[in-house]
């Protein structure tokens, strides 16, 4: 977790090398959801915001795994933003 919280790319490589997760976008996204309280939300946001194809697939899988059923827009937006910080936003 500490490695990921310092460098998402190195953290993901470590998790894959140690067979904690595979490099599949769906599994990485599920890992983010499962450990969002331990992982740095800014680092999750940075990872989801990377522009290469693999990270974009992780972002899509992350969003697809969220369930907004029977939620009003504001509650859904809060749920969406609860698991990560948008890249470039200030933390307070």
C-alpha atoms as a PDB file:
ATOM      1  CA  UNK A   1       0.000   0.000   0.000  1.00  0.00           C
ATOM      2  CA  UNK A   2       2.834   2.392   0.869  1.00  0.00           C
ATOM      3  CA  UNK A   3       4.492   1.798  -2.503  1.00  0.00           C
ATOM      4  CA  UNK A   4       1.230   2.561  -4.322  1.00  0.00           C
ATOM      5  CA  UNK A   5       0.639   5.661  -2.199  1.00  0.00           C
ATOM      6  CA  UNK A   6       4.024   7.006  -3.317  1.00  0.00           C
ATOM      7  CA  UNK A   7       3.866   5.865  -6.943  1.00  0.00           C
ATOM      8  CA  UNK A   8       0.734   4.253  -8.398  1.00  0.00           C
ATOM      9  CA  UNK A   9       2.627   2.755 -11.319  1.00  0.00           C
ATOM     10  CA  UNK A  10       5.258   1.137  -9.081  1.00  0.00           C
ATOM     11  CA  UNK A  11       2.574   0.028  -6.634  1.00  0.00           C
ATOM     12  CA  UNK A  12       0.561  -1.719  -9.326  1.00  0.00           C
ATOM     13  CA  UNK A  13       3.721  -3.393 -10.644  1.00  0.00           C
ATOM     14  CA  UNK A  14       4.479  -4.604  -7.114  1.00  0.00           C
ATOM     15  CA  UNK A  15       0.958  -5.983  -6.599  1.00  0.00           C
ATOM     16  CA  UNK A  16       1.113  -7.811  -9.936  1.00  0.00           C
ATOM     17  CA  UNK A  17       4.643  -9.164  -9.272  1.00  0.00           C
ATOM     18  CA  UNK A  18       3.543 -10.478  -5.852  1.00  0.00           C
ATOM     19  CA  UNK A  19       0.368 -12.016  -7.370  1.00  0.00           C
ATOM     20  CA  UNK A  20      -1.921  -9.869  -5.215  1.00  0.00           C
ATOM     21  CA  UNK A  21      -3.769  -8.874  -8.403  1.00  0.00           C
ATOM     22  CA  UNK A  22      -3.437  -9.494 -12.112  1.00  0.00           C
ATOM     23  CA  UNK A  23      -2.812  -6.706 -14.601  1.00  0.00           C
ATOM     24  CA  UNK A  24      -6.415  -6.936 -15.845  1.00  0.00           C
ATOM     25  CA  UNK A  25      -8.220  -3.582 -15.708  1.00  0.00           C
ATOM     26  CA  UNK A  26     -11.315  -5.101 -14.069  1.00  0.00           C
ATOM     27  CA  UNK A  27      -9.273  -6.638 -11.266  1.00  0.00           C
ATOM     28  CA  UNK A  28      -7.290  -3.447 -10.661  1.00  0.00           C
ATOM     29  CA  UNK A  29     -10.525  -1.446 -10.543  1.00  0.00           C
ATOM     30  CA  UNK A  30     -12.022  -3.912  -8.046  1.00  0.00           C
ATOM     31  CA  UNK A  31      -8.854  -3.629  -5.949  1.00  0.00           C
ATOM     32  CA  UNK A  32      -9.276   0.171  -5.897  1.00  0.00           C
ATOM     33  CA  UNK A  33     -12.871  -0.201  -4.718  1.00  0.00           C
ATOM     34  CA  UNK A  34     -11.976  -2.794  -2.083  1.00  0.00           C
ATOM     35  CA  UNK A  35      -9.058  -0.829  -0.626  1.00  0.00           C
ATOM     36  CA  UNK A  36     -10.171   2.755  -1.217  1.00  0.00           C
ATOM     37  CA  UNK A  37      -9.910   3.482   2.507  1.00  0.00           C
ATOM     38  CA  UNK A  38      -6.228   2.424   2.620  1.00  0.00           C
ATOM     39  CA  UNK A  39      -5.080   3.680  -0.779  1.00  0.00           C
ATOM     40  CA  UNK A  40      -4.331   7.365  -1.253  1.00  0.00           C
ATOM     41  CA  UNK A  41      -7.308   8.816  -3.116  1.00  0.00           C
ATOM     42  CA  UNK A  42      -5.087  11.278  -4.977  1.00  0.00           C
ATOM     43  CA  UNK A  43      -2.953   8.395  -6.263  1.00  0.00           C
ATOM     44  CA  UNK A  44      -6.058   6.461  -7.350  1.00  0.00           C
ATOM     45  CA  UNK A  45      -7.209   9.584  -9.213  1.00  0.00           C
ATOM     46  CA  UNK A  46      -3.792  10.004 -10.827  1.00  0.00           C
ATOM     47  CA  UNK A  47      -3.876   6.370 -11.937  1.00  0.00           C
ATOM     48  CA  UNK A  48      -7.406   6.652 -13.329  1.00  0.00           C
ATOM     49  CA  UNK A  49      -6.434   9.881 -15.091  1.00  0.00           C
ATOM     50  CA  UNK A  50      -3.426   8.500 -16.971  1.00  0.00           C
ATOM     51  CA  UNK A  51      -3.928   8.837 -20.711  1.00  0.00           C
ATOM     52  CA  UNK A  52      -2.524   5.530 -21.942  1.00  0.00           C
ATOM     53  CA  UNK A  53      -4.856   2.764 -23.127  1.00  0.00           C
ATOM     54  CA  UNK A  54      -4.376   0.447 -20.127  1.00  0.00           C
ATOM     55  CA  UNK A  55      -5.130   3.130 -17.541  1.00  0.00           C
ATOM     56  CA  UNK A  56      -8.135   4.280 -19.548  1.00  0.00           C
ATOM     57  CA  UNK A  57      -9.436   0.695 -19.428  1.00  0.00           C
ATOM     58  CA  UNK A  58      -8.919   0.693 -15.649  1.00  0.00           C
ATOM     59  CA  UNK A  59     -10.923   3.923 -15.411  1.00  0.00           C
ATOM     60  CA  UNK A  60     -13.781   2.489 -17.491  1.00  0.00           C
ATOM     61  CA  UNK A  61     -13.817  -0.697 -15.387  1.00  0.00           C
ATOM     62  CA  UNK A  62     -13.782   1.373 -12.185  1.00  0.00           C
ATOM     63  CA  UNK A  63     -16.823   3.363 -13.295  1.00  0.00           C
ATOM     64  CA  UNK A  64     -18.633   0.270 -14.629  1.00  0.00           C
ATOM     65  CA  UNK A  65     -18.303  -1.386 -11.212  1.00  0.00           C
ATOM     66  CA  UNK A  66     -20.171   1.418  -9.453  1.00  0.00           C
ATOM     67  CA  UNK A  67     -23.897   0.955  -8.860  1.00  0.00           C
ATOM     68  CA  UNK A  68     -25.999   4.110  -8.952  1.00  0.00           C
ATOM     69  CA  UNK A  69     -29.337   2.301  -8.928  1.00  0.00           C
ATOM     70  CA  UNK A  70     -32.106   4.256  -7.185  1.00  0.00           C
ATOM     71  CA  UNK A  71     -29.808   7.154  -6.358  1.00  0.00           C
ATOM     72  CA  UNK A  72     -30.551  10.762  -7.112  1.00  0.00           C
ATOM     73  CA  UNK A  73     -27.961  12.678  -9.097  1.00  0.00           C
ATOM     74  CA  UNK A  74     -26.269  14.356  -6.126  1.00  0.00           C
ATOM     75  CA  UNK A  75     -25.955  11.109  -4.141  1.00  0.00           C
ATOM     76  CA  UNK A  76     -24.578   9.338  -7.219  1.00  0.00           C
ATOM     77  CA  UNK A  77     -22.053  12.106  -7.810  1.00  0.00           C
ATOM     78  CA  UNK A  78     -20.913  11.957  -4.187  1.00  0.00           C
ATOM     79  CA  UNK A  79     -20.538   8.185  -4.411  1.00  0.00           C
ATOM     80  CA  UNK A  80     -18.598   8.521  -7.659  1.00  0.00           C
ATOM     81  CA  UNK A  81     -16.177  11.069  -6.199  1.00  0.00           C
ATOM     82  CA  UNK A  82     -15.790   9.363  -2.805  1.00  0.00           C
ATOM     83  CA  UNK A  83     -13.249   6.797  -4.008  1.00  0.00           C
ATOM     84  CA  UNK A  84     -10.675   9.090  -5.630  1.00  0.00           C
ATOM     85  CA  UNK A  85      -9.579  12.687  -6.009  1.00  0.00           C
ATOM     86  CA  UNK A  86      -9.753  14.242  -9.432  1.00  0.00           C
ATOM     87  CA  UNK A  87      -6.279  14.927 -10.822  1.00  0.00           C
ATOM     88  CA  UNK A  88      -5.339  18.574 -10.411  1.00  0.00           C
ATOM     89  CA  UNK A  89      -7.717  19.272  -7.527  1.00  0.00           C
ATOM     90  CA  UNK A  90      -6.552  20.669  -4.235  1.00  0.00           C
ATOM     91  CA  UNK A  91      -6.924  18.658  -1.079  1.00  0.00           C
ATOM     92  CA  UNK A  92      -7.930  20.526   1.989  1.00  0.00           C
END
